[in-house]
Amino acid sequence: MTALQDTLRDSRQPTRKTARTSARTRRSNLGYFLGFGAPGLLFYACFVFAPLVLSLGYSFTNADAFLPHTKFTGLHNYVKLLGDPDFRTSLRVTTILTLIIVIVPNVAGLAVAVLLNRNGRLYRALRTVFFVPVVLSSVVVSVVWQAMLTDGGLLDTVLGSMGVKHPPGWLSDPSIALYSVGWIASWQLLGFCTVVYLAGLQGVPDDLLEAAAIDGAGRWTRFRRVTWPMLAPALTINTVMLLITGFKTYDYVQVITHGGPGTGTTATVAYGVIQTGFTENKTGMASAMAVLMLIIVAVVSSVVLRLLQRREVEL
């Protein structure tokens, strides 16, 4: 009987020791969370989640800086927005600008990445050159390009020296201004796409390319059959990031065109939110515009991400 009790007592000791170790681990994890995670969550709650909740609440009111009392109006702001031709125009402008920002840097970034995917000091220097615009402020980029594209600016001077007597109004012509803004944004985002595609290209195993070359595949066939499928994750990253950037474009429009030329030619939804909320002081309407833009961005980004990730699995 004593031997049995000793055996049971010995068998309990590791269990008690394991329980004490688990308790210490939990306390340690809690300490790490309070020390490192809690400040980040607090920052997120104060500067992201709380403003989002407040905007959602304001969107159901007639909040206005010039109204003495704020009252609940339900879906009135949303119904008014969906029937507003200016808001529909801003949606169209935002869609066109987003398509430009998604397509141009993606295609050009892939081409530049393929050209720079080589060893040597020259290629390393060129990688730095292409990435420099990414780290610049979009306001600085907008000011520089505005000076170049304005009527009688540097680009018009160069074209005039080449014999072009009447160059188009890059920022003053309503039919061209939006594409000029899209070009400027695409130029700055080109370096980001290039770096992502370069990382993907350097992850392609040389064995696969050599095997394809031995089988008689040419350069284009190797790229299409081997390299391009393995760039699927890079394509997903670039497309989703550019999609979100395009939908929330504001600074380029504010600095370069102020929503013109004319009425709403380049005014995006984000530009309309700022103008409505801070210039016209219609907080409730601006909040409704921001919530609608958030819903559109979330839905479109989720669908595109799902489709691109499915493509990664299929490849």
C-alpha atoms as a PDB file:
ATOM      1  CA  MET A   1       0.000   0.000   0.000  1.00  0.00           C
ATOM      2  CA  THR A   2       2.848   2.359   0.855  1.00  0.00           C
ATOM      3  CA  ALA A   3       4.549   1.666  -2.459  1.00  0.00           C
ATOM      4  CA  LEU A   4       1.319   2.497  -4.296  1.00  0.00           C
ATOM      5  CA  GLN A   5       0.974   5.782  -2.433  1.00  0.00           C
ATOM      6  CA  ASP A   6       4.574   6.669  -3.199  1.00  0.00           C
ATOM      7  CA  THR A   7       3.975   5.923  -6.870  1.00  0.00           C
ATOM      8  CA  LEU A   8       0.854   8.122  -6.958  1.00  0.00           C
ATOM      9  CA  ARG A   9       2.658  10.933  -5.150  1.00  0.00           C
ATOM     10  CA  ASP A  10       5.563  10.796  -7.597  1.00  0.00           C
ATOM     11  CA  SER A  11       3.171  10.817 -10.554  1.00  0.00           C
ATOM     12  CA  ARG A  12       1.481  14.003  -9.248  1.00  0.00           C
ATOM     13  CA  GLN A  13       4.687  15.979  -8.894  1.00  0.00           C
ATOM     14  CA  PRO A  14       5.326  16.523 -12.633  1.00  0.00           C
ATOM     15  CA  THR A  15       1.691  17.538 -13.039  1.00  0.00           C
ATOM     16  CA  ARG A  16       1.993  20.144 -10.293  1.00  0.00           C
ATOM     17  CA  LYS A  17       5.288  21.328 -11.724  1.00  0.00           C
ATOM     18  CA  THR A  18       3.744  21.590 -15.198  1.00  0.00           C
ATOM     19  CA  ALA A  19       0.806  23.553 -13.777  1.00  0.00           C
ATOM     20  CA  ARG A  20       3.172  25.991 -12.031  1.00  0.00           C
ATOM     21  CA  THR A  21       5.162  26.392 -15.250  1.00  0.00           C
ATOM     22  CA  SER A  22       1.975  27.034 -17.231  1.00  0.00           C
ATOM     23  CA  ALA A  23       0.853  29.653 -14.706  1.00  0.00           C
ATOM     24  CA  ARG A  24       4.211  31.414 -14.943  1.00  0.00           C
ATOM     25  CA  THR A  25       4.008  31.287 -18.735  1.00  0.00           C
ATOM     26  CA  ARG A  26       0.535  32.826 -18.693  1.00  0.00           C
ATOM     27  CA  ARG A  27       1.681  35.602 -16.360  1.00  0.00           C
ATOM     28  CA  SER A  28       4.710  36.193 -18.569  1.00  0.00           C
ATOM     29  CA  ASN A  29       2.532  36.359 -21.700  1.00  0.00           C
ATOM     30  CA  LEU A  30       0.185  38.773 -19.959  1.00  0.00           C
ATOM     31  CA  GLY A  31       3.159  40.926 -18.996  1.00  0.00           C
ATOM     32  CA  TYR A  32       4.420  40.949 -22.565  1.00  0.00           C
ATOM     33  CA  PHE A  33       0.955  41.886 -23.819  1.00  0.00           C
ATOM     34  CA  LEU A  34       0.570  44.740 -21.334  1.00  0.00           C
ATOM     35  CA  GLY A  35       4.074  45.965 -22.103  1.00  0.00           C
ATOM     36  CA  PHE A  36       4.028  45.699 -25.894  1.00  0.00           C
ATOM     37  CA  GLY A  37       0.530  44.997 -27.182  1.00  0.00           C
ATOM     38  CA  ALA A  38      -1.627  47.231 -25.012  1.00  0.00           C
ATOM     39  CA  PRO A  39      -0.050  50.546 -26.124  1.00  0.00           C
ATOM     40  CA  GLY A  40      -0.554  49.623 -29.764  1.00  0.00           C
ATOM     41  CA  LEU A  41      -4.156  48.576 -29.176  1.00  0.00           C
ATOM     42  CA  LEU A  42      -4.791  51.771 -27.214  1.00  0.00           C
ATOM     43  CA  PHE A  43      -3.318  53.859 -30.028  1.00  0.00           C
ATOM     44  CA  TYR A  44      -5.438  51.974 -32.579  1.00  0.00           C
ATOM     45  CA  ALA A  45      -8.581  52.402 -30.492  1.00  0.00           C
ATOM     46  CA  CYS A  46      -8.045  56.144 -30.005  1.00  0.00           C
ATOM     47  CA  PHE A  47      -6.956  57.147 -33.498  1.00  0.00           C
ATOM     48  CA  VAL A  48      -8.633  54.564 -35.766  1.00  0.00           C
ATOM     49  CA  PHE A  49     -11.548  52.779 -34.146  1.00  0.00           C
ATOM     50  CA  ALA A  50     -12.985  55.730 -32.193  1.00  0.00           C
ATOM     51  CA  PRO A  51     -12.991  58.145 -35.191  1.00  0.00           C
ATOM     52  CA  LEU A  52     -14.583  55.411 -37.301  1.00  0.00           C
ATOM     53  CA  VAL A  53     -17.388  54.936 -34.776  1.00  0.00           C
ATOM     54  CA  LEU A  54     -17.869  58.707 -34.459  1.00  0.00           C
ATOM     55  CA  SER A  55     -18.044  59.110 -38.244  1.00  0.00           C
ATOM     56  CA  LEU A  56     -20.624  56.366 -38.458  1.00  0.00           C
ATOM     57  CA  GLY A  57     -22.678  58.082 -35.768  1.00  0.00           C
ATOM     58  CA  TYR A  58     -22.399  61.520 -37.377  1.00  0.00           C
ATOM     59  CA  SER A  59     -23.487  60.095 -40.736  1.00  0.00           C
ATOM     60  CA  PHE A  60     -26.994  59.559 -39.319  1.00  0.00           C
ATOM     61  CA  THR A  61     -27.304  63.172 -38.152  1.00  0.00           C
ATOM     62  CA  ASN A  62     -27.492  66.656 -39.640  1.00  0.00           C
ATOM     63  CA  ALA A  63     -24.319  67.712 -37.824  1.00  0.00           C
ATOM     64  CA  ASP A  64     -23.233  71.124 -39.077  1.00  0.00           C
ATOM     65  CA  ALA A  65     -20.908  73.710 -37.562  1.00  0.00           C
ATOM     66  CA  PHE A  66     -23.513  76.440 -38.195  1.00  0.00           C
ATOM     67  CA  LEU A  67     -26.495  74.553 -36.746  1.00  0.00           C
ATOM     68  CA  PRO A  68     -27.081  75.064 -33.019  1.00  0.00           C
ATOM     69  CA  HIS A  69     -28.611  71.628 -32.506  1.00  0.00           C
ATOM     70  CA  THR A  70     -27.772  68.252 -34.009  1.00  0.00           C
ATOM     71  CA  LYS A  71     -30.594  65.811 -34.570  1.00  0.00           C
ATOM     72  CA  PHE A  72     -30.904  62.265 -35.827  1.00  0.00           C
ATOM     73  CA  THR A  73     -31.914  62.074 -39.504  1.00  0.00           C
ATOM     74  CA  GLY A  74     -31.585  58.336 -40.192  1.00  0.00           C
ATOM     75  CA  LEU A  75     -30.597  57.457 -43.750  1.00  0.00           C
ATOM     76  CA  HIS A  76     -31.350  60.916 -45.113  1.00  0.00           C
ATOM     77  CA  ASN A  77     -27.688  61.720 -45.840  1.00  0.00           C
ATOM     78  CA  TYR A  78     -27.150  58.434 -47.690  1.00  0.00           C
ATOM     79  CA  VAL A  79     -30.315  58.810 -49.781  1.00  0.00           C
ATOM     80  CA  LYS A  80     -29.343  62.377 -50.655  1.00  0.00           C
ATOM     81  CA  LEU A  81     -25.819  61.312 -51.618  1.00  0.00           C
ATOM     82  CA  LEU A  82     -26.936  58.475 -53.876  1.00  0.00           C
ATOM     83  CA  GLY A  83     -29.221  60.900 -55.708  1.00  0.00           C
ATOM     84  CA  ASP A  84     -26.601  63.653 -55.946  1.00  0.00           C
ATOM     85  CA  PRO A  85     -25.089  63.939 -59.468  1.00  0.00           C
ATOM     86  CA  ASP A  86     -21.926  65.549 -58.055  1.00  0.00           C
ATOM     87  CA  PHE A  87     -21.319  62.540 -55.816  1.00  0.00           C
ATOM     88  CA  ARG A  88     -21.875  60.145 -58.712  1.00  0.00           C
ATOM     89  CA  THR A  89     -19.395  62.196 -60.752  1.00  0.00           C
ATOM     90  CA  SER A  90     -16.828  61.932 -57.966  1.00  0.00           C
ATOM     91  CA  LEU A  91     -17.372  58.155 -57.915  1.00  0.00           C
ATOM     92  CA  ARG A  92     -16.739  58.011 -61.652  1.00  0.00           C
ATOM     93  CA  VAL A  93     -13.611  60.166 -61.313  1.00  0.00           C
ATOM     94  CA  THR A  94     -12.350  58.019 -58.435  1.00  0.00           C
ATOM     95  CA  THR A  95     -12.957  54.827 -60.422  1.00  0.00           C
ATOM     96  CA  ILE A  96     -11.059  56.101 -63.468  1.00  0.00           C
ATOM     97  CA  LEU A  97      -8.187  57.372 -61.351  1.00  0.00           C
ATOM     98  CA  THR A  98      -8.030  54.094 -59.423  1.00  0.00           C
ATOM     99  CA  LEU A  99      -7.876  52.066 -62.641  1.00  0.00           C
ATOM    100  CA  ILE A 100      -4.979  54.207 -63.861  1.00  0.00           C
ATOM    101  CA  ILE A 101      -3.137  53.859 -60.554  1.00  0.00           C
ATOM    102  CA  VAL A 102      -3.659  50.086 -60.471  1.00  0.00           C
ATOM    103  CA  ILE A 103      -2.766  49.321 -64.092  1.00  0.00           C
ATOM    104  CA  VAL A 104       0.077  51.709 -64.989  1.00  0.00           C
ATOM    105  CA  PRO A 105       2.448  51.140 -62.022  1.00  0.00           C
ATOM    106  CA  ASN A 106       1.757  47.397 -62.121  1.00  0.00           C
ATOM    107  CA  VAL A 107       2.662  47.019 -65.791  1.00  0.00           C
ATOM    108  CA  ALA A 108       5.536  49.499 -65.758  1.00  0.00           C
ATOM    109  CA  GLY A 109       6.845  48.197 -62.431  1.00  0.00           C
ATOM    110  CA  LEU A 110       6.967  44.643 -63.757  1.00  0.00           C
ATOM    111  CA  ALA A 111       8.835  45.761 -66.885  1.00  0.00           C
ATOM    112  CA  VAL A 112      11.362  47.784 -64.863  1.00  0.00           C
ATOM    113  CA  ALA A 113      11.831  44.925 -62.389  1.00  0.00           C
ATOM    114  CA  VAL A 114      12.614  42.492 -65.205  1.00  0.00           C
ATOM    115  CA  LEU A 115      15.177  44.922 -66.630  1.00  0.00           C
ATOM    116  CA  LEU A 116      16.812  45.532 -63.232  1.00  0.00           C
ATOM    117  CA  ASN A 117      16.882  41.887 -62.138  1.00  0.00           C
ATOM    118  CA  ARG A 118      20.614  41.655 -62.731  1.00  0.00           C
ATOM    119  CA  ASN A 119      23.780  41.918 -60.675  1.00  0.00           C
ATOM    120  CA  GLY A 120      26.089  44.910 -60.822  1.00  0.00           C
ATOM    121  CA  ARG A 121      26.580  48.327 -59.309  1.00  0.00           C
ATOM    122  CA  LEU A 122      24.723  50.059 -62.104  1.00  0.00           C
ATOM    123  CA  TYR A 123      21.579  48.007 -61.549  1.00  0.00           C
ATOM    124  CA  ARG A 124      21.742  48.499 -57.774  1.00  0.00           C
ATOM    125  CA  ALA A 125      22.050  52.247 -58.303  1.00  0.00           C
ATOM    126  CA  LEU A 126      19.099  52.241 -60.700  1.00  0.00           C
ATOM    127  CA  ARG A 127      16.989  50.379 -58.147  1.00  0.00           C
ATOM    128  CA  THR A 128      17.660  53.180 -55.685  1.00  0.00           C
ATOM    129  CA  VAL A 129      16.814  55.808 -58.294  1.00  0.00           C
ATOM    130  CA  PHE A 130      13.464  54.206 -59.078  1.00  0.00           C
ATOM    131  CA  PHE A 131      12.580  53.866 -55.389  1.00  0.00           C
ATOM    132  CA  VAL A 132      13.420  57.464 -54.409  1.00  0.00           C
ATOM    133  CA  PRO A 133       9.983  58.915 -55.441  1.00  0.00           C
ATOM    134  CA  VAL A 134       8.253  56.462 -53.094  1.00  0.00           C
ATOM    135  CA  VAL A 135       9.868  57.982 -50.001  1.00  0.00           C
ATOM    136  CA  LEU A 136       9.108  61.553 -51.098  1.00  0.00           C
ATOM    137  CA  SER A 137       6.041  63.351 -49.838  1.00  0.00           C
ATOM    138  CA  SER A 138       3.164  63.259 -52.300  1.00  0.00           C
ATOM    139  CA  VAL A 139       2.778  67.009 -51.763  1.00  0.00           C
ATOM    140  CA  VAL A 140       6.373  67.603 -52.883  1.00  0.00           C
ATOM    141  CA  VAL A 141       5.865  65.362 -55.920  1.00  0.00           C
ATOM    142  CA  SER A 142       2.642  67.201 -56.769  1.00  0.00           C
ATOM    143  CA  VAL A 143       4.301  70.637 -56.546  1.00  0.00           C
ATOM    144  CA  VAL A 144       7.199  69.559 -58.780  1.00  0.00           C
ATOM    145  CA  TRP A 145       4.975  68.010 -61.429  1.00  0.00           C
ATOM    146  CA  GLN A 146       2.561  70.929 -61.304  1.00  0.00           C
ATOM    147  CA  ALA A 147       5.419  73.257 -62.187  1.00  0.00           C
ATOM    148  CA  MET A 148       6.408  70.959 -65.047  1.00  0.00           C
ATOM    149  CA  LEU A 149       2.922  70.440 -66.474  1.00  0.00           C
ATOM    150  CA  THR A 150       1.468  73.913 -66.081  1.00  0.00           C
ATOM    151  CA  ASP A 151       0.797  75.915 -69.244  1.00  0.00           C
ATOM    152  CA  GLY A 152       4.121  77.317 -70.400  1.00  0.00           C
ATOM    153  CA  GLY A 153       6.004  75.048 -68.003  1.00  0.00           C
ATOM    154  CA  LEU A 154       9.033  72.865 -68.564  1.00  0.00           C
ATOM    155  CA  LEU A 155       7.213  70.198 -70.604  1.00  0.00           C
ATOM    156  CA  ASP A 156       5.596  72.783 -72.875  1.00  0.00           C
ATOM    157  CA  THR A 157       8.989  74.451 -73.351  1.00  0.00           C
ATOM    158  CA  VAL A 158      10.581  71.138 -74.355  1.00  0.00           C
ATOM    159  CA  LEU A 159       7.733  70.347 -76.750  1.00  0.00           C
ATOM    160  CA  GLY A 160       7.946  73.849 -78.207  1.00  0.00           C
ATOM    161  CA  SER A 161      11.630  73.365 -78.933  1.00  0.00           C
ATOM    162  CA  MET A 162      10.687  70.177 -80.789  1.00  0.00           C
ATOM    163  CA  GLY A 163       8.249  72.051 -83.025  1.00  0.00           C
ATOM    164  CA  VAL A 164       4.990  71.484 -81.149  1.00  0.00           C
ATOM    165  CA  LYS A 165       3.430  74.968 -81.252  1.00  0.00           C
ATOM    166  CA  HIS A 166       0.205  74.272 -79.345  1.00  0.00           C
ATOM    167  CA  PRO A 167       0.754  71.570 -76.699  1.00  0.00           C
ATOM    168  CA  PRO A 168      -2.336  70.415 -74.832  1.00  0.00           C
ATOM    169  CA  GLY A 169      -3.238  71.906 -71.481  1.00  0.00           C
ATOM    170  CA  TRP A 170      -2.032  69.090 -69.243  1.00  0.00           C
ATOM    171  CA  LEU A 171      -3.748  70.533 -66.161  1.00  0.00           C
ATOM    172  CA  SER A 172      -6.124  73.083 -67.720  1.00  0.00           C
ATOM    173  CA  ASP A 173      -7.876  70.852 -70.258  1.00  0.00           C
ATOM    174  CA  PRO A 174     -10.826  69.006 -68.617  1.00  0.00           C
ATOM    175  CA  SER A 175     -10.360  66.035 -70.940  1.00  0.00           C
ATOM    176  CA  ILE A 176      -6.694  65.554 -69.983  1.00  0.00           C
ATOM    177  CA  ALA A 177      -6.327  66.820 -66.396  1.00  0.00           C
ATOM    178  CA  LEU A 178      -7.545  63.625 -64.714  1.00  0.00           C
ATOM    179  CA  TYR A 179      -5.107  61.491 -66.711  1.00  0.00           C
ATOM    180  CA  SER A 180      -2.286  63.891 -65.823  1.00  0.00           C
ATOM    181  CA  VAL A 181      -3.066  63.433 -62.123  1.00  0.00           C
ATOM    182  CA  GLY A 182      -3.161  59.667 -62.654  1.00  0.00           C
ATOM    183  CA  TRP A 183       0.216  59.787 -64.379  1.00  0.00           C
ATOM    184  CA  ILE A 184       1.778  61.737 -61.499  1.00  0.00           C
ATOM    185  CA  ALA A 185       0.464  59.278 -58.903  1.00  0.00           C
ATOM    186  CA  SER A 186       1.570  56.326 -61.034  1.00  0.00           C
ATOM    187  CA  TRP A 187       5.055  57.807 -61.412  1.00  0.00           C
ATOM    188  CA  GLN A 188       5.483  58.019 -57.642  1.00  0.00           C
ATOM    189  CA  LEU A 189       4.114  54.503 -57.024  1.00  0.00           C
ATOM    190  CA  LEU A 190       6.240  52.895 -59.753  1.00  0.00           C
ATOM    191  CA  GLY A 191       9.162  52.293 -57.385  1.00  0.00           C
ATOM    192  CA  PHE A 192       7.002  50.425 -54.884  1.00  0.00           C
ATOM    193  CA  CYS A 193       5.745  47.994 -57.517  1.00  0.00           C
ATOM    194  CA  THR A 194       9.263  47.585 -58.889  1.00  0.00           C
ATOM    195  CA  VAL A 195      10.674  46.592 -55.490  1.00  0.00           C
ATOM    196  CA  VAL A 196       7.885  44.080 -54.841  1.00  0.00           C
ATOM    197  CA  TYR A 197       8.300  42.484 -58.270  1.00  0.00           C
ATOM    198  CA  LEU A 198      12.082  42.416 -57.842  1.00  0.00           C
ATOM    199  CA  ALA A 199      11.648  40.496 -54.602  1.00  0.00           C
ATOM    200  CA  GLY A 200       9.395  38.048 -56.426  1.00  0.00           C
ATOM    201  CA  LEU A 201      11.811  37.650 -59.330  1.00  0.00           C
ATOM    202  CA  GLN A 202      14.719  36.922 -57.023  1.00  0.00           C
ATOM    203  CA  GLY A 203      12.635  34.201 -55.400  1.00  0.00           C
ATOM    204  CA  VAL A 204      12.197  32.276 -58.667  1.00  0.00           C
ATOM    205  CA  PRO A 205      14.449  29.171 -58.493  1.00  0.00           C
ATOM    206  CA  ASP A 206      17.169  29.126 -61.132  1.00  0.00           C
ATOM    207  CA  ASP A 207      16.732  25.359 -61.463  1.00  0.00           C
ATOM    208  CA  LEU A 208      13.256  25.803 -62.947  1.00  0.00           C
ATOM    209  CA  LEU A 209      14.470  28.370 -65.469  1.00  0.00           C
ATOM    210  CA  GLU A 210      17.428  26.188 -66.449  1.00  0.00           C
ATOM    211  CA  ALA A 211      15.183  23.136 -66.831  1.00  0.00           C
ATOM    212  CA  ALA A 212      12.800  25.111 -69.040  1.00  0.00           C
ATOM    213  CA  ALA A 213      15.718  26.349 -71.149  1.00  0.00           C
ATOM    214  CA  ILE A 214      17.032  22.794 -71.570  1.00  0.00           C
ATOM    215  CA  ASP A 215      13.558  21.736 -72.734  1.00  0.00           C
ATOM    216  CA  GLY A 216      13.803  24.350 -75.467  1.00  0.00           C
ATOM    217  CA  ALA A 217      11.660  27.107 -73.976  1.00  0.00           C
ATOM    218  CA  GLY A 218      12.563  30.581 -75.191  1.00  0.00           C
ATOM    219  CA  ARG A 219      12.864  33.676 -73.028  1.00  0.00           C
ATOM    220  CA  TRP A 220       9.211  34.698 -73.431  1.00  0.00           C
ATOM    221  CA  THR A 221       7.981  31.158 -72.837  1.00  0.00           C
ATOM    222  CA  ARG A 222      10.084  30.866 -69.669  1.00  0.00           C
ATOM    223  CA  PHE A 223       8.671  34.127 -68.391  1.00  0.00           C
ATOM    224  CA  ARG A 224       5.077  33.194 -69.218  1.00  0.00           C
ATOM    225  CA  ARG A 225       5.210  29.580 -67.988  1.00  0.00           C
ATOM    226  CA  VAL A 226       7.661  29.799 -65.075  1.00  0.00           C
ATOM    227  CA  THR A 227       8.317  33.336 -63.874  1.00  0.00           C
ATOM    228  CA  TRP A 228       4.872  34.908 -64.185  1.00  0.00           C
ATOM    229  CA  PRO A 229       3.011  32.215 -62.206  1.00  0.00           C
ATOM    230  CA  MET A 230       5.521  32.565 -59.365  1.00  0.00           C
ATOM    231  CA  LEU A 231       4.928  36.325 -59.280  1.00  0.00           C
ATOM    232  CA  ALA A 232       1.298  35.804 -58.272  1.00  0.00           C
ATOM    233  CA  PRO A 233       1.869  36.865 -54.609  1.00  0.00           C
ATOM    234  CA  ALA A 234       3.672  40.018 -55.762  1.00  0.00           C
ATOM    235  CA  LEU A 235       0.793  40.824 -58.105  1.00  0.00           C
ATOM    236  CA  THR A 236      -1.672  40.397 -55.232  1.00  0.00           C
ATOM    237  CA  ILE A 237       0.278  42.742 -52.951  1.00  0.00           C
ATOM    238  CA  ASN A 238       0.694  45.436 -55.577  1.00  0.00           C
ATOM    239  CA  THR A 239      -2.876  45.317 -56.833  1.00  0.00           C
ATOM    240  CA  VAL A 240      -4.521  45.520 -53.417  1.00  0.00           C
ATOM    241  CA  MET A 241      -2.186  48.274 -52.187  1.00  0.00           C
ATOM    242  CA  LEU A 242      -2.650  50.331 -55.346  1.00  0.00           C
ATOM    243  CA  LEU A 243      -6.399  49.777 -55.244  1.00  0.00           C
ATOM    244  CA  ILE A 244      -6.661  51.208 -51.736  1.00  0.00           C
ATOM    245  CA  THR A 245      -4.315  54.076 -52.622  1.00  0.00           C
ATOM    246  CA  GLY A 246      -6.360  54.982 -55.681  1.00  0.00           C
ATOM    247  CA  PHE A 247      -9.672  55.089 -53.827  1.00  0.00           C
ATOM    248  CA  LYS A 248      -8.337  57.404 -51.107  1.00  0.00           C
ATOM    249  CA  THR A 249      -6.472  59.794 -53.409  1.00  0.00           C
ATOM    250  CA  TYR A 250      -6.743  63.332 -52.105  1.00  0.00           C
ATOM    251  CA  ASP A 251      -3.392  65.101 -51.856  1.00  0.00           C
ATOM    252  CA  TYR A 252      -2.561  65.040 -55.587  1.00  0.00           C
ATOM    253  CA  VAL A 253      -5.949  66.523 -56.439  1.00  0.00           C
ATOM    254  CA  GLN A 254      -5.769  69.172 -53.715  1.00  0.00           C
ATOM    255  CA  VAL A 255      -2.302  70.406 -54.647  1.00  0.00           C
ATOM    256  CA  ILE A 256      -2.400  70.094 -58.448  1.00  0.00           C
ATOM    257  CA  THR A 257      -5.940  70.873 -59.636  1.00  0.00           C
ATOM    258  CA  HIS A 258      -8.134  71.697 -56.599  1.00  0.00           C
ATOM    259  CA  GLY A 259     -10.790  69.459 -58.118  1.00  0.00           C
ATOM    260  CA  GLY A 260     -10.785  71.303 -61.456  1.00  0.00           C
ATOM    261  CA  PRO A 261     -10.484  72.433 -64.109  1.00  0.00           C
ATOM    262  CA  GLY A 262     -14.149  73.271 -64.259  1.00  0.00           C
ATOM    263  CA  THR A 263     -16.513  71.683 -61.778  1.00  0.00           C
ATOM    264  CA  GLY A 264     -15.491  68.327 -60.343  1.00  0.00           C
ATOM    265  CA  THR A 265     -13.297  67.273 -63.273  1.00  0.00           C
ATOM    266  CA  THR A 266     -10.711  65.683 -60.985  1.00  0.00           C
ATOM    267  CA  ALA A 267     -12.603  65.786 -57.668  1.00  0.00           C
ATOM    268  CA  THR A 268     -12.404  62.340 -56.057  1.00  0.00           C
ATOM    269  CA  VAL A 269     -14.626  61.069 -53.254  1.00  0.00           C
ATOM    270  CA  ALA A 270     -11.858  61.677 -50.711  1.00  0.00           C
ATOM    271  CA  TYR A 271     -11.508  65.248 -51.983  1.00  0.00           C
ATOM    272  CA  GLY A 272     -15.274  65.682 -51.656  1.00  0.00           C
ATOM    273  CA  VAL A 273     -15.189  64.432 -48.063  1.00  0.00           C
ATOM    274  CA  ILE A 274     -12.614  67.057 -47.066  1.00  0.00           C
ATOM    275  CA  GLN A 275     -14.385  69.850 -48.942  1.00  0.00           C
ATOM    276  CA  THR A 276     -17.797  68.969 -47.516  1.00  0.00           C
ATOM    277  CA  GLY A 277     -16.576  68.472 -43.970  1.00  0.00           C
ATOM    278  CA  PHE A 278     -14.020  71.280 -43.561  1.00  0.00           C
ATOM    279  CA  THR A 279     -14.919  73.879 -46.189  1.00  0.00           C
ATOM    280  CA  GLU A 280     -18.709  73.626 -46.117  1.00  0.00           C
ATOM    281  CA  ASN A 281     -18.725  72.453 -42.455  1.00  0.00           C
ATOM    282  CA  LYS A 282     -21.329  69.750 -43.168  1.00  0.00           C
ATOM    283  CA  THR A 283     -20.015  67.137 -40.788  1.00  0.00           C
ATOM    284  CA  GLY A 284     -22.948  64.740 -41.125  1.00  0.00           C
ATOM    285  CA  MET A 285     -22.889  64.685 -44.925  1.00  0.00           C
ATOM    286  CA  ALA A 286     -19.097  64.355 -45.024  1.00  0.00           C
ATOM    287  CA  SER A 287     -19.270  61.437 -42.577  1.00  0.00           C
ATOM    288  CA  ALA A 288     -21.829  59.692 -44.788  1.00  0.00           C
ATOM    289  CA  MET A 289     -19.520  60.139 -47.797  1.00  0.00           C
ATOM    290  CA  ALA A 290     -16.601  58.714 -45.828  1.00  0.00           C
ATOM    291  CA  VAL A 291     -18.631  55.703 -44.667  1.00  0.00           C
ATOM    292  CA  LEU A 292     -19.806  54.981 -48.225  1.00  0.00           C
ATOM    293  CA  MET A 293     -16.227  55.213 -49.480  1.00  0.00           C
ATOM    294  CA  LEU A 294     -15.081  52.862 -46.711  1.00  0.00           C
ATOM    295  CA  ILE A 295     -17.764  50.325 -47.667  1.00  0.00           C
ATOM    296  CA  ILE A 296     -16.852  50.515 -51.357  1.00  0.00           C
ATOM    297  CA  VAL A 297     -13.122  50.136 -50.662  1.00  0.00           C
ATOM    298  CA  ALA A 298     -13.702  47.225 -48.269  1.00  0.00           C
ATOM    299  CA  VAL A 299     -15.980  45.348 -50.685  1.00  0.00           C
ATOM    300  CA  VAL A 300     -13.866  45.899 -53.798  1.00  0.00           C
ATOM    301  CA  SER A 301     -10.594  45.112 -52.011  1.00  0.00           C
ATOM    302  CA  SER A 302     -12.037  41.935 -50.486  1.00  0.00           C
ATOM    303  CA  VAL A 303     -13.329  40.704 -53.844  1.00  0.00           C
ATOM    304  CA  VAL A 304     -10.065  41.468 -55.649  1.00  0.00           C
ATOM    305  CA  LEU A 305      -8.010  39.889 -52.861  1.00  0.00           C
ATOM    306  CA  ARG A 306     -10.166  36.751 -52.922  1.00  0.00           C
ATOM    307  CA  LEU A 307      -9.860  36.424 -56.709  1.00  0.00           C
ATOM    308  CA  LEU A 308      -6.093  36.974 -56.730  1.00  0.00           C
ATOM    309  CA  GLN A 309      -5.513  34.566 -53.862  1.00  0.00           C
ATOM    310  CA  ARG A 310      -7.606  31.952 -55.649  1.00  0.00           C
ATOM    311  CA  ARG A 311      -5.418  32.510 -58.700  1.00  0.00           C
ATOM    312  CA  GLU A 312      -2.318  31.896 -56.557  1.00  0.00           C
ATOM    313  CA  VAL A 313      -3.732  28.541 -55.442  1.00  0.00           C
ATOM    314  CA  GLU A 314      -4.677  27.510 -58.967  1.00  0.00           C
ATOM    315  CA  LEU A 315      -1.214  28.350 -60.283  1.00  0.00           C
END
